[in-house]
Amino acid sequence: MGNLDAAPELVDPDHGDYHLRDTSPAIDKASASVTDLTDLDGEPRPRGVARDIGADEAGRPNELPANGSRDLAGAGAAICVP
């Protein structure tokens, strides 16, 4: 899963919102053994260079990494989205 020695920076855990803030240190820090294709909202992961630690993949579903592609297959098959 990955280890984190910092607060995960959740949006509003006191009110049940366990999504990651955009500044969370958990973003792109999950180990390579994590292969989930969707997060707790059913949105694709990863959305960055790696999957995020925890059940949520930070960012919006249509947000792409700087290279303009998202690896939905988890095995190097990139899908470009305009």
N, C-alpha and C. Protein backbone atom coordinates (compact mmCIF):
# COMPACT_ATOMS: atom_id res chain seq x y z
N MET A 1 0.83 -1.20 0.00
CA MET A 1 0.00 0.00 0.00
C MET A 1 0.86 1.25 0.00
N GLY A 2 1.99 1.25 0.66
CA GLY A 2 2.80 2.45 0.79
C GLY A 2 2.72 2.96 2.21
N ASN A 3 3.73 3.65 2.65
CA ASN A 3 3.77 4.20 4.00
C ASN A 3 3.88 5.70 3.93
N LEU A 4 3.30 6.36 4.92
CA LEU A 4 3.28 7.81 4.96
C LEU A 4 3.52 8.25 6.40
N ASP A 5 4.52 9.08 6.61
CA ASP A 5 4.82 9.57 7.94
C ASP A 5 4.39 11.03 8.05
N ALA A 6 3.14 11.29 7.67
CA ALA A 6 2.58 12.64 7.69
C ALA A 6 1.06 12.52 7.67
N ALA A 7 0.38 13.58 8.05
CA ALA A 7 -1.08 13.59 7.96
C ALA A 7 -1.49 13.50 6.50
N PRO A 8 -2.52 12.71 6.17
CA PRO A 8 -2.90 12.51 4.78
C PRO A 8 -3.60 13.71 4.14
N GLU A 9 -3.98 14.70 4.92
CA GLU A 9 -4.67 15.90 4.42
C GLU A 9 -5.97 15.54 3.70
N LEU A 10 -6.92 15.05 4.50
CA LEU A 10 -8.25 14.72 3.98
C LEU A 10 -9.11 15.97 3.94
N VAL A 11 -10.10 15.99 3.06
CA VAL A 11 -10.93 17.18 2.87
C VAL A 11 -11.68 17.56 4.14
N ASP A 12 -12.50 16.66 4.69
CA ASP A 12 -13.28 16.97 5.90
C ASP A 12 -13.67 15.69 6.62
N PRO A 13 -12.69 15.01 7.22
CA PRO A 13 -12.98 13.72 7.85
C PRO A 13 -13.99 13.80 8.99
N ASP A 14 -14.08 14.96 9.66
CA ASP A 14 -15.05 15.10 10.75
C ASP A 14 -16.48 15.00 10.27
N HIS A 15 -16.70 15.25 8.98
CA HIS A 15 -18.03 15.19 8.40
C HIS A 15 -18.13 14.11 7.32
N GLY A 16 -17.23 13.12 7.36
CA GLY A 16 -17.32 11.97 6.48
C GLY A 16 -16.73 12.13 5.08
N ASP A 17 -16.01 13.23 4.82
CA ASP A 17 -15.40 13.42 3.51
C ASP A 17 -13.93 13.02 3.58
N TYR A 18 -13.66 11.80 3.16
CA TYR A 18 -12.31 11.24 3.25
C TYR A 18 -11.53 11.36 1.95
N HIS A 19 -11.94 12.25 1.07
CA HIS A 19 -11.20 12.49 -0.17
C HIS A 19 -9.90 13.22 0.16
N LEU A 20 -8.88 13.00 -0.67
CA LEU A 20 -7.60 13.66 -0.47
C LEU A 20 -7.63 15.10 -0.97
N ARG A 21 -7.02 16.00 -0.21
CA ARG A 21 -6.84 17.36 -0.69
C ARG A 21 -5.78 17.34 -1.79
N ASP A 22 -5.79 18.34 -2.65
CA ASP A 22 -4.81 18.41 -3.74
C ASP A 22 -3.38 18.51 -3.22
N THR A 23 -3.21 18.90 -1.97
CA THR A 23 -1.87 19.06 -1.37
C THR A 23 -1.45 17.85 -0.54
N SER A 24 -2.22 16.78 -0.57
CA SER A 24 -1.95 15.61 0.27
C SER A 24 -0.61 14.95 -0.08
N PRO A 25 0.18 14.60 0.94
CA PRO A 25 1.43 13.88 0.69
C PRO A 25 1.18 12.42 0.27
N ALA A 26 -0.07 11.95 0.31
CA ALA A 26 -0.41 10.58 -0.09
C ALA A 26 -0.56 10.44 -1.61
N ILE A 27 -0.59 11.58 -2.32
CA ILE A 27 -0.78 11.54 -3.78
C ILE A 27 0.45 10.94 -4.46
N ASP A 28 0.19 9.97 -5.33
CA ASP A 28 1.23 9.28 -6.12
C ASP A 28 2.23 8.52 -5.26
N LYS A 29 1.84 8.10 -4.05
CA LYS A 29 2.78 7.43 -3.15
C LYS A 29 2.45 5.97 -2.85
N ALA A 30 1.43 5.40 -3.48
CA ALA A 30 1.12 3.99 -3.24
C ALA A 30 2.20 3.12 -3.87
N SER A 31 2.42 1.96 -3.30
CA SER A 31 3.43 1.06 -3.86
C SER A 31 2.95 0.52 -5.20
N ALA A 32 3.88 0.05 -5.99
CA ALA A 32 3.56 -0.49 -7.32
C ALA A 32 2.68 -1.72 -7.23
N SER A 33 2.61 -2.36 -6.07
CA SER A 33 1.78 -3.56 -5.92
C SER A 33 0.28 -3.23 -5.87
N VAL A 34 -0.07 -1.96 -5.67
CA VAL A 34 -1.47 -1.55 -5.65
C VAL A 34 -1.94 -1.46 -7.10
N THR A 35 -2.94 -2.25 -7.46
CA THR A 35 -3.37 -2.31 -8.85
C THR A 35 -4.85 -2.00 -9.06
N ASP A 36 -5.51 -1.42 -8.07
CA ASP A 36 -6.92 -1.06 -8.22
C ASP A 36 -7.09 -0.14 -9.43
N LEU A 37 -8.09 -0.40 -10.26
CA LEU A 37 -8.33 0.44 -11.43
C LEU A 37 -9.29 1.58 -11.15
N THR A 38 -10.01 1.51 -10.02
CA THR A 38 -10.93 2.58 -9.64
C THR A 38 -10.80 2.89 -8.16
N ASP A 39 -11.22 4.11 -7.77
CA ASP A 39 -11.16 4.50 -6.37
C ASP A 39 -12.53 4.32 -5.72
N LEU A 40 -12.72 4.85 -4.51
CA LEU A 40 -13.96 4.66 -3.78
C LEU A 40 -15.17 5.26 -4.49
N ASP A 41 -14.95 6.21 -5.38
CA ASP A 41 -16.04 6.82 -6.14
C ASP A 41 -16.25 6.15 -7.49
N GLY A 42 -15.47 5.10 -7.77
CA GLY A 42 -15.56 4.43 -9.06
C GLY A 42 -14.82 5.17 -10.17
N GLU A 43 -14.01 6.15 -9.79
CA GLU A 43 -13.25 6.93 -10.77
C GLU A 43 -11.93 6.23 -11.07
N PRO A 44 -11.41 6.39 -12.29
CA PRO A 44 -10.20 5.68 -12.69
C PRO A 44 -8.96 6.10 -11.90
N ARG A 45 -8.09 5.13 -11.70
CA ARG A 45 -6.81 5.40 -11.08
C ARG A 45 -5.74 4.59 -11.78
N PRO A 46 -4.55 5.04 -11.89
CA PRO A 46 -4.04 6.30 -11.33
C PRO A 46 -4.39 7.48 -12.21
N ARG A 47 -4.30 8.66 -11.62
CA ARG A 47 -4.48 9.91 -12.36
C ARG A 47 -3.21 10.73 -12.38
N GLY A 48 -2.16 10.18 -11.89
CA GLY A 48 -0.86 10.85 -11.89
C GLY A 48 0.19 9.83 -12.29
N VAL A 49 1.38 10.00 -11.77
CA VAL A 49 2.46 9.08 -12.12
C VAL A 49 2.33 7.75 -11.39
N ALA A 50 1.55 7.71 -10.31
CA ALA A 50 1.31 6.47 -9.56
C ALA A 50 -0.03 6.60 -8.84
N ARG A 51 -0.50 5.49 -8.29
CA ARG A 51 -1.75 5.53 -7.53
C ARG A 51 -1.50 6.23 -6.20
N ASP A 52 -2.58 6.78 -5.64
CA ASP A 52 -2.50 7.45 -4.35
C ASP A 52 -2.70 6.44 -3.23
N ILE A 53 -2.12 6.71 -2.06
CA ILE A 53 -2.34 5.88 -0.89
C ILE A 53 -3.77 6.08 -0.42
N GLY A 54 -4.45 5.00 -0.10
CA GLY A 54 -5.81 5.07 0.41
C GLY A 54 -6.86 4.77 -0.64
N ALA A 55 -8.11 4.92 -0.25
CA ALA A 55 -9.23 4.54 -1.11
C ALA A 55 -9.57 5.58 -2.17
N ASP A 56 -9.10 6.81 -2.01
CA ASP A 56 -9.42 7.88 -2.96
C ASP A 56 -8.24 8.19 -3.86
N GLU A 57 -8.54 8.46 -5.11
CA GLU A 57 -7.53 8.95 -6.06
C GLU A 57 -7.81 10.44 -6.22
N ALA A 58 -6.87 11.26 -5.78
CA ALA A 58 -7.07 12.71 -5.78
C ALA A 58 -7.26 13.26 -7.18
N GLY A 59 -7.89 14.41 -7.27
CA GLY A 59 -8.09 15.08 -8.54
C GLY A 59 -9.46 14.80 -9.10
N ARG A 60 -9.75 15.43 -10.19
CA ARG A 60 -11.04 15.26 -10.84
C ARG A 60 -10.91 14.19 -11.92
N PRO A 61 -12.01 13.50 -12.25
CA PRO A 61 -11.93 12.40 -13.20
C PRO A 61 -11.38 12.79 -14.57
N ASN A 62 -11.60 14.00 -15.01
CA ASN A 62 -11.13 14.41 -16.33
C ASN A 62 -9.78 15.10 -16.29
N GLU A 63 -9.16 15.14 -15.12
CA GLU A 63 -7.86 15.76 -14.97
C GLU A 63 -6.77 14.79 -15.45
N LEU A 64 -5.86 15.26 -16.24
CA LEU A 64 -4.80 14.42 -16.78
C LEU A 64 -3.45 14.85 -16.26
N PRO A 65 -2.49 13.93 -16.22
CA PRO A 65 -1.14 14.32 -15.88
C PRO A 65 -0.55 15.19 -16.98
N ALA A 66 0.58 15.78 -16.72
CA ALA A 66 1.20 16.72 -17.65
C ALA A 66 1.46 16.13 -19.03
N ASN A 67 1.67 14.80 -19.13
CA ASN A 67 1.95 14.20 -20.44
C ASN A 67 0.69 14.00 -21.28
N GLY A 68 -0.50 14.33 -20.73
CA GLY A 68 -1.73 14.28 -21.50
C GLY A 68 -2.34 12.91 -21.66
N SER A 69 -1.85 11.91 -20.92
CA SER A 69 -2.44 10.59 -21.04
C SER A 69 -2.68 10.00 -19.66
N ARG A 70 -3.57 9.04 -19.61
CA ARG A 70 -3.88 8.38 -18.35
C ARG A 70 -3.76 6.88 -18.58
N ASP A 71 -3.03 6.19 -17.73
CA ASP A 71 -2.84 4.77 -17.86
C ASP A 71 -3.98 4.07 -17.11
N LEU A 72 -5.06 3.74 -17.82
CA LEU A 72 -6.21 3.11 -17.19
C LEU A 72 -6.02 1.61 -17.01
N ALA A 73 -5.17 1.03 -17.80
CA ALA A 73 -4.99 -0.42 -17.75
C ALA A 73 -4.01 -0.82 -16.66
N GLY A 74 -3.20 0.09 -16.19
CA GLY A 74 -2.23 -0.22 -15.16
C GLY A 74 -1.05 -1.03 -15.68
N ALA A 75 -0.97 -1.19 -17.01
CA ALA A 75 0.11 -2.00 -17.58
C ALA A 75 0.79 -1.28 -18.73
N GLY A 76 0.69 0.04 -18.75
CA GLY A 76 1.40 0.81 -19.75
C GLY A 76 0.58 1.19 -20.96
N ALA A 77 -0.69 0.81 -21.03
CA ALA A 77 -1.51 1.19 -22.17
C ALA A 77 -2.10 2.56 -21.93
N ALA A 78 -1.59 3.55 -22.60
CA ALA A 78 -2.04 4.93 -22.38
C ALA A 78 -3.23 5.25 -23.28
N ILE A 79 -4.17 5.97 -22.71
CA ILE A 79 -5.33 6.43 -23.47
C ILE A 79 -5.29 7.94 -23.46
N CYS A 80 -5.23 8.57 -24.61
CA CYS A 80 -5.20 10.02 -24.67
C CYS A 80 -6.62 10.55 -24.70
N VAL A 81 -6.88 11.55 -23.87
CA VAL A 81 -8.19 12.17 -23.79
C VAL A 81 -8.05 13.62 -24.17
N PRO A 82 -8.84 14.08 -25.15
CA PRO A 82 -8.72 15.49 -25.58
C PRO A 82 -9.15 16.46 -24.51
